[in-house]
Amino acid sequence: MLRDSLQRWVASQITGEVTLELRRGNDYSILNTVSDNLTYKRSV
């Protein structure tokens, strides 16, 4: 159910790649984002 929601409503607006870690229930973490059009750069 969460995966369907993310694909339908979030992924349709994103150009690039998002790596998610799905855990139990409705819990998830965003691990990485990659796109040519990001408004910020990730500092490592």
PDB file of N, CA and C in Angstrom:
ATOM      1  N   MET A   1       0.826  -1.191   0.000  1.00  0.00           N
ATOM      2  CA  MET A   1       0.000   0.000   0.000  1.00  0.00           C
ATOM      3  C   MET A   1       0.875   1.262   0.000  1.00  0.00           C
ATOM      4  N   LEU A   2       1.870   1.316   0.848  1.00  0.00           N
ATOM      5  CA  LEU A   2       2.782   2.468   0.873  1.00  0.00           C
ATOM      6  C   LEU A   2       3.546   2.565  -0.439  1.00  0.00           C
ATOM      7  N   ARG A   3       3.969   1.436  -0.946  1.00  0.00           N
ATOM      8  CA  ARG A   3       4.718   1.436  -2.203  1.00  0.00           C
ATOM      9  C   ARG A   3       3.861   1.982  -3.344  1.00  0.00           C
ATOM     10  N   ASP A   4       2.604   1.569  -3.412  1.00  0.00           N
ATOM     11  CA  ASP A   4       1.700   2.083  -4.445  1.00  0.00           C
ATOM     12  C   ASP A   4       1.524   3.583  -4.322  1.00  0.00           C
ATOM     13  N   SER A   5       1.359   4.073  -3.104  1.00  0.00           N
ATOM     14  CA  SER A   5       1.197   5.514  -2.883  1.00  0.00           C
ATOM     15  C   SER A   5       2.438   6.273  -3.318  1.00  0.00           C
ATOM     16  N   LEU A   6       3.611   5.773  -2.955  1.00  0.00           N
ATOM     17  CA  LEU A   6       4.858   6.439  -3.335  1.00  0.00           C
ATOM     18  C   LEU A   6       5.031   6.462  -4.849  1.00  0.00           C
ATOM     19  N   GLN A   7       4.732   5.347  -5.495  1.00  0.00           N
ATOM     20  CA  GLN A   7       4.897   5.295  -6.945  1.00  0.00           C
ATOM     21  C   GLN A   7       3.900   6.202  -7.650  1.00  0.00           C
ATOM     22  N   ARG A   8       2.679   6.232  -7.178  1.00  0.00           N
ATOM     23  CA  ARG A   8       1.634   6.982  -7.868  1.00  0.00           C
ATOM     24  C   ARG A   8       1.749   8.480  -7.649  1.00  0.00           C
ATOM     25  N   TRP A   9       1.974   8.909  -6.405  1.00  0.00           N
ATOM     26  CA  TRP A   9       1.900  10.334  -6.086  1.00  0.00           C
ATOM     27  C   TRP A   9       3.258  11.020  -5.995  1.00  0.00           C
ATOM     28  N   VAL A  10       4.277  10.332  -5.551  1.00  0.00           N
ATOM     29  CA  VAL A  10       5.592  10.951  -5.394  1.00  0.00           C
ATOM     30  C   VAL A  10       6.446  10.723  -6.635  1.00  0.00           C
ATOM     31  N   ALA A  11       6.563   9.497  -7.073  1.00  0.00           N
ATOM     32  CA  ALA A  11       7.460   9.169  -8.178  1.00  0.00           C
ATOM     33  C   ALA A  11       7.065   9.851  -9.480  1.00  0.00           C
ATOM     34  N   SER A  12       5.802  10.157  -9.657  1.00  0.00           N
ATOM     35  CA  SER A  12       5.387  10.822 -10.895  1.00  0.00           C
ATOM     36  C   SER A  12       5.923  12.246 -10.982  1.00  0.00           C
ATOM     37  N   GLN A  13       6.309  12.847  -9.858  1.00  0.00           N
ATOM     38  CA  GLN A  13       6.817  14.211  -9.826  1.00  0.00           C
ATOM     39  C   GLN A  13       8.339  14.286  -9.770  1.00  0.00           C
ATOM     40  N   ILE A  14       8.995  13.163  -9.591  1.00  0.00           N
ATOM     41  CA  ILE A  14      10.446  13.141  -9.402  1.00  0.00           C
ATOM     42  C   ILE A  14      11.136  12.744 -10.702  1.00  0.00           C
ATOM     43  N   THR A  15      12.141  13.527 -11.095  1.00  0.00           N
ATOM     44  CA  THR A  15      12.987  13.125 -12.215  1.00  0.00           C
ATOM     45  C   THR A  15      14.367  12.853 -11.636  1.00  0.00           C
ATOM     46  N   GLY A  16      14.770  11.622 -11.673  1.00  0.00           N
ATOM     47  CA  GLY A  16      16.027  11.207 -11.074  1.00  0.00           C
ATOM     48  C   GLY A  16      15.818   9.890 -10.359  1.00  0.00           C
ATOM     49  N   GLU A  17      16.619   9.647  -9.355  1.00  0.00           N
ATOM     50  CA  GLU A  17      16.537   8.399  -8.604  1.00  0.00           C
ATOM     51  C   GLU A  17      16.446   8.682  -7.118  1.00  0.00           C
ATOM     52  N   VAL A  18      15.616   7.910  -6.452  1.00  0.00           N
ATOM     53  CA  VAL A  18      15.494   7.982  -4.999  1.00  0.00           C
ATOM     54  C   VAL A  18      15.637   6.567  -4.470  1.00  0.00           C
ATOM     55  N   THR A  19      16.533   6.368  -3.511  1.00  0.00           N
ATOM     56  CA  THR A  19      16.719   5.064  -2.891  1.00  0.00           C
ATOM     57  C   THR A  19      16.053   5.085  -1.525  1.00  0.00           C
ATOM     58  N   LEU A  20      15.082   4.180  -1.334  1.00  0.00           N
ATOM     59  CA  LEU A  20      14.349   4.089  -0.076  1.00  0.00           C
ATOM     60  C   LEU A  20      14.680   2.789   0.624  1.00  0.00           C
ATOM     61  N   GLU A  21      14.660   2.823   1.944  1.00  0.00           N
ATOM     62  CA  GLU A  21      14.741   1.610   2.746  1.00  0.00           C
ATOM     63  C   GLU A  21      13.379   1.435   3.397  1.00  0.00           C
ATOM     64  N   LEU A  22      12.666   0.370   2.997  1.00  0.00           N
ATOM     65  CA  LEU A  22      11.355   0.093   3.567  1.00  0.00           C
ATOM     66  C   LEU A  22      11.520  -0.826   4.769  1.00  0.00           C
ATOM     67  N   ARG A  23      10.860  -0.454   5.861  1.00  0.00           N
ATOM     68  CA  ARG A  23      10.918  -1.257   7.074  1.00  0.00           C
ATOM     69  C   ARG A  23       9.514  -1.725   7.419  1.00  0.00           C
ATOM     70  N   ARG A  24       9.325  -2.243   8.569  1.00  0.00           N
ATOM     71  CA  ARG A  24       8.020  -2.766   8.973  1.00  0.00           C
ATOM     72  C   ARG A  24       6.966  -1.682   9.026  1.00  0.00           C
ATOM     73  N   GLY A  25       5.751  -2.065   8.715  1.00  0.00           N
ATOM     74  CA  GLY A  25       4.649  -1.114   8.774  1.00  0.00           C
ATOM     75  C   GLY A  25       4.780  -0.055   7.697  1.00  0.00           C
ATOM     76  N   ASN A  26       4.492   1.177   8.052  1.00  0.00           N
ATOM     77  CA  ASN A  26       4.579   2.293   7.106  1.00  0.00           C
ATOM     78  C   ASN A  26       5.853   3.100   7.305  1.00  0.00           C
ATOM     79  N   ASP A  27       6.893   2.485   7.838  1.00  0.00           N
ATOM     80  CA  ASP A  27       8.135   3.176   8.157  1.00  0.00           C
ATOM     81  C   ASP A  27       9.124   3.037   7.004  1.00  0.00           C
ATOM     82  N   TYR A  28       9.754   4.135   6.629  1.00  0.00           N
ATOM     83  CA  TYR A  28      10.757   4.102   5.570  1.00  0.00           C
ATOM     84  C   TYR A  28      11.777   5.205   5.790  1.00  0.00           C
ATOM     85  N   SER A  29      12.947   5.064   5.169  1.00  0.00           N
ATOM     86  CA  SER A  29      13.994   6.085   5.196  1.00  0.00           C
ATOM     87  C   SER A  29      14.425   6.378   3.769  1.00  0.00           C
ATOM     88  N   ILE A  30      14.708   7.643   3.477  1.00  0.00           N
ATOM     89  CA  ILE A  30      15.281   8.020   2.192  1.00  0.00           C
ATOM     90  C   ILE A  30      16.793   7.913   2.342  1.00  0.00           C
ATOM     91  N   LEU A  31      17.408   7.012   1.579  1.00  0.00           N
ATOM     92  CA  LEU A  31      18.839   6.766   1.697  1.00  0.00           C
ATOM     93  C   LEU A  31      19.663   7.639   0.764  1.00  0.00           C
ATOM     94  N   ASN A  32      19.143   7.909  -0.439  1.00  0.00           N
ATOM     95  CA  ASN A  32      19.928   8.657  -1.412  1.00  0.00           C
ATOM     96  C   ASN A  32      19.005   9.262  -2.457  1.00  0.00           C
ATOM     97  N   THR A  33      19.377  10.431  -2.971  1.00  0.00           N
ATOM     98  CA  THR A  33      18.669  11.053  -4.088  1.00  0.00           C
ATOM     99  C   THR A  33      19.697  11.478  -5.126  1.00  0.00           C
ATOM    100  N   VAL A  34      19.388  11.232  -6.395  1.00  0.00           N
ATOM    101  CA  VAL A  34      20.278  11.587  -7.494  1.00  0.00           C
ATOM    102  C   VAL A  34      19.448  12.239  -8.594  1.00  0.00           C
ATOM    103  N   SER A  35      19.840  13.447  -9.005  1.00  0.00           N
ATOM    104  CA  SER A  35      19.156  14.142 -10.093  1.00  0.00           C
ATOM    105  C   SER A  35      20.017  15.296 -10.575  1.00  0.00           C
ATOM    106  N   ASP A  36      19.867  15.630 -11.832  1.00  0.00           N
ATOM    107  CA  ASP A  36      20.570  16.794 -12.375  1.00  0.00           C
ATOM    108  C   ASP A  36      19.932  18.094 -11.909  1.00  0.00           C
ATOM    109  N   ASN A  37      18.706  18.034 -11.427  1.00  0.00           N
ATOM    110  CA  ASN A  37      17.948  19.237 -11.098  1.00  0.00           C
ATOM    111  C   ASN A  37      17.697  19.423  -9.601  1.00  0.00           C
ATOM    112  N   LEU A  38      18.547  18.870  -8.750  1.00  0.00           N
ATOM    113  CA  LEU A  38      18.361  19.043  -7.310  1.00  0.00           C
ATOM    114  C   LEU A  38      18.608  20.495  -6.909  1.00  0.00           C
ATOM    115  N   THR A  39      17.907  20.951  -5.880  1.00  0.00           N
ATOM    116  CA  THR A  39      18.085  22.328  -5.423  1.00  0.00           C
ATOM    117  C   THR A  39      19.133  22.426  -4.322  1.00  0.00           C
ATOM    118  N   TYR A  40      19.701  21.315  -3.938  1.00  0.00           N
ATOM    119  CA  TYR A  40      20.754  21.313  -2.926  1.00  0.00           C
ATOM    120  C   TYR A  40      21.742  20.214  -3.265  1.00  0.00           C
ATOM    121  N   LYS A  41      22.928  20.317  -2.727  1.00  0.00           N
ATOM    122  CA  LYS A  41      23.920  19.257  -2.864  1.00  0.00           C
ATOM    123  C   LYS A  41      24.103  18.602  -1.513  1.00  0.00           C
ATOM    124  N   ARG A  42      24.115  17.308  -1.523  1.00  0.00           N
ATOM    125  CA  ARG A  42      24.303  16.555  -0.299  1.00  0.00           C
ATOM    126  C   ARG A  42      25.746  16.690   0.151  1.00  0.00           C
ATOM    127  N   SER A  43      25.952  17.094   1.399  1.00  0.00           N
ATOM    128  CA  SER A  43      27.312  17.173   1.934  1.00  0.00           C
ATOM    129  C   SER A  43      27.635  15.868   2.639  1.00  0.00           C
ATOM    130  N   VAL A  44      28.772  15.314   2.328  1.00  0.00           N
ATOM    131  CA  VAL A  44      29.157  14.013   2.885  1.00  0.00           C
ATOM    132  C   VAL A  44      30.160  14.210   3.979  1.00  0.00           C
TER     133      VAL A  44
END
